[in-house]
Amino acid sequence: MEGEDIARRFNGYLNIPFALTATIGNALVLGAIWRTPSLHRASNVLIFCLGMTDLGVGLIGQPLWIIRELSPSENDFLQKMFVTAKTAFLGLSMLTVTLIGIDRYLAVKLHLRYQGLITLQRTVCVVVIMWVATLCFAITVQGLGPTREAWDSFRFTVFPTMVVCFFINIFVYLKLYQICRFHHAKIQDQAVLQEDSSMYQRAVNEARFRKSVKTMFFIVLAFILCYFPALCFSAASLVLSHQEITKSPIIETMLNFARTILFANSSVNPALLTFQLTELRFAIKRILKNLWSPARKLENRQLKEQSKIKFSQKHAFATTNNSTAWKKQR
């Protein structure tokens, strides 16, 4: 029992830096997209949505998880709040990553028709429907409480959804990788035969496409690595009952650390987006520069005021000494 308490406390403290990085990183991503008009595109709506869900994890989900792990006793209200936040934000994050992959695949598959079919309004509509459906499901699961119906809804809804998202992400990336190799080989063959401005433009477009595929690869890789332990426990839930999992200290501890790895994905995503997307990175740098500049100006103003006060004090002290010396001479 003592070992289980130590593991819970360690797990709780481990989530603190992840919560901070998820909150700060995703807040910067959201601020950069919101304040940069050139980033207001249909594809960036999904990135903005991913930032919102990951911010919810860092701002709401992880603090509730930290309090739960560090609390000496169980709290039913806290447990219900945590289940709702975890189901909603982690589910939305998983679905958004999958939608980002589908969006990149449609951009290649539809080619010229993509701009006409995948508009900003339609993307926002899909995102709103996804949010409403996921939040309704999370509230429903929380309302059922720790009952057999809630456990069955988790087993037969969450696990199949995770499996489908896994396979969709893997399928989409493999397809994009094949298309990327095909276009690269085609451009190389045509470059040998002709060399003009159109070939240069095609090479530039191909480089941008490869970079977007590379960005998606890292996001999908982080998604698979962070969600795989939870997927294994979801698979185990098909054959184990809720009592068998919660009554085993070892399984319960492993499940808690699997949840921590799930939460860590919300800290990894903004870092990947910042390092891979140049325009987003520059927008974040501008925000940090604007935040830093007023602070530096205020600090310099305070230093100047302090130096003026010290100078006036020294001047007053010197004047007093001179007047005293003059009086003594007289």
Foldseek 3Di string as FASTA:
>chain_A
DVVLLVLLLVLLVVLVVLLVLLQVLLVLLLVLCVPDVVNLFLLVVLVNQLSVLSNLCSVQQSVLSSCCSNDPDDDLVSVLSNQLSCQQSLVSNLVSLLVSLVLLLCCVVVPPCSPVPRGNVVSVVVSVVSNVVSNVVSNVLSVVPPDPVSLVCCLVPVLVVNVVSLVSLVVSLVVLVVVLVVLVVVLVVVCVVDDDPVSVVSVVVSVVSVLSSVLSVVLSVLVCVLCVLVSVVSVVSVVDPPCVQVVDSVSVSSNSVSVSSSSSSSSVSSVSCLVRPPSSVVSSVVVVCVVVVVVVVVVVVVVVVVVVVVVVVVVVVVVVVVVVVVVVVD
